[in-house]
Amino acid sequence: MEVIKVISKEGLKWKCREHPNVPCDFIYLDGEDKYCVLCLLCVQNHSIPVSNLISMSYVLSTKEHEIL
């Protein structure tokens, strides 16, 4: 579940090495795993619980004091 960062004109994007055509849309909040950015297919394939995920679009669209 390694990821690579790509800079595009839209900004910083994370792309999954396991699924190169799928953007990484989730941050994995479990501190035990070294892979903290995941694509939807990795979330599904590795049965990551939704309670341990936060959407990157949510983080980017909210103000710092709103994320708990």
Protein backbone atom coordinates (compact mmCIF):
# COMPACT_ATOMS: atom_id res chain seq x y z
CA MET A 1 0.00 0.00 0.00
CA GLU A 2 2.68 2.52 -0.91
CA VAL A 3 1.69 5.85 -2.36
CA ILE A 4 3.43 8.37 -4.56
CA LYS A 5 2.84 12.11 -4.58
CA VAL A 6 2.21 13.87 -7.87
CA ILE A 7 1.96 17.63 -8.36
CA SER A 8 -0.58 18.64 -10.96
CA LYS A 9 -2.11 21.96 -11.85
CA GLU A 10 -4.94 21.20 -9.43
CA GLY A 11 -2.44 20.86 -6.57
CA LEU A 12 -0.94 18.00 -4.61
CA LYS A 13 -2.46 14.62 -5.45
CA TRP A 14 -1.67 11.24 -3.98
CA LYS A 15 -1.80 8.23 -6.26
CA CYS A 16 -1.80 4.64 -5.10
CA ARG A 17 1.03 2.38 -6.30
CA GLU A 18 -1.15 -0.67 -5.90
CA HIS A 19 -3.92 0.97 -7.99
CA PRO A 20 -2.11 3.63 -10.08
CA ASN A 21 -5.24 4.98 -11.77
CA VAL A 22 -7.03 5.56 -8.47
CA PRO A 23 -6.38 8.70 -6.39
CA CYS A 24 -5.88 8.33 -2.66
CA ASP A 25 -8.90 9.91 -1.04
CA PHE A 26 -8.62 8.84 2.59
CA ILE A 27 -6.34 9.43 5.54
CA TYR A 28 -5.98 6.39 7.77
CA LEU A 29 -6.13 7.54 11.38
CA ASP A 30 -4.75 4.42 13.07
CA GLY A 31 -1.27 5.35 14.25
CA GLU A 32 -0.04 1.75 14.09
CA ASP A 33 0.10 1.60 10.28
CA LYS A 34 2.87 3.41 8.41
CA TYR A 35 0.61 3.92 5.39
CA CYS A 36 -1.66 6.77 6.29
CA VAL A 37 -3.03 7.76 2.84
CA LEU A 38 -5.27 5.22 1.07
CA CYS A 39 -7.33 4.88 -2.09
CA LEU A 40 -10.87 3.50 -1.99
CA LEU A 41 -9.80 0.14 -3.43
CA CYS A 42 -7.16 -0.31 -0.71
CA VAL A 43 -9.75 0.56 1.94
CA GLN A 44 -12.07 -2.08 0.55
CA ASN A 45 -9.41 -4.74 -0.13
CA HIS A 46 -7.84 -4.42 3.33
CA SER A 47 -11.19 -4.08 5.16
CA ILE A 48 -10.22 -0.80 6.82
CA PRO A 49 -12.99 0.26 9.24
CA VAL A 50 -14.68 3.53 8.31
CA SER A 51 -14.22 4.75 11.88
CA ASN A 52 -10.44 4.91 11.20
CA LEU A 53 -10.74 7.04 8.06
CA ILE A 54 -11.22 10.68 7.23
CA SER A 55 -11.82 11.93 3.71
CA MET A 56 -9.13 14.19 2.25
CA SER A 57 -11.81 16.35 0.63
CA TYR A 58 -13.38 16.89 4.07
CA VAL A 59 -10.05 17.97 5.52
CA LEU A 60 -9.35 20.32 2.61
CA SER A 61 -12.81 21.88 2.72
CA THR A 62 -13.03 22.55 6.46
CA LYS A 63 -11.38 25.07 8.69
CA GLU A 64 -8.76 23.89 11.15
CA HIS A 65 -10.94 24.45 14.23
CA GLU A 66 -13.81 22.38 12.77
CA ILE A 67 -11.92 19.05 12.61
CA LEU A 68 -12.22 17.13 15.84
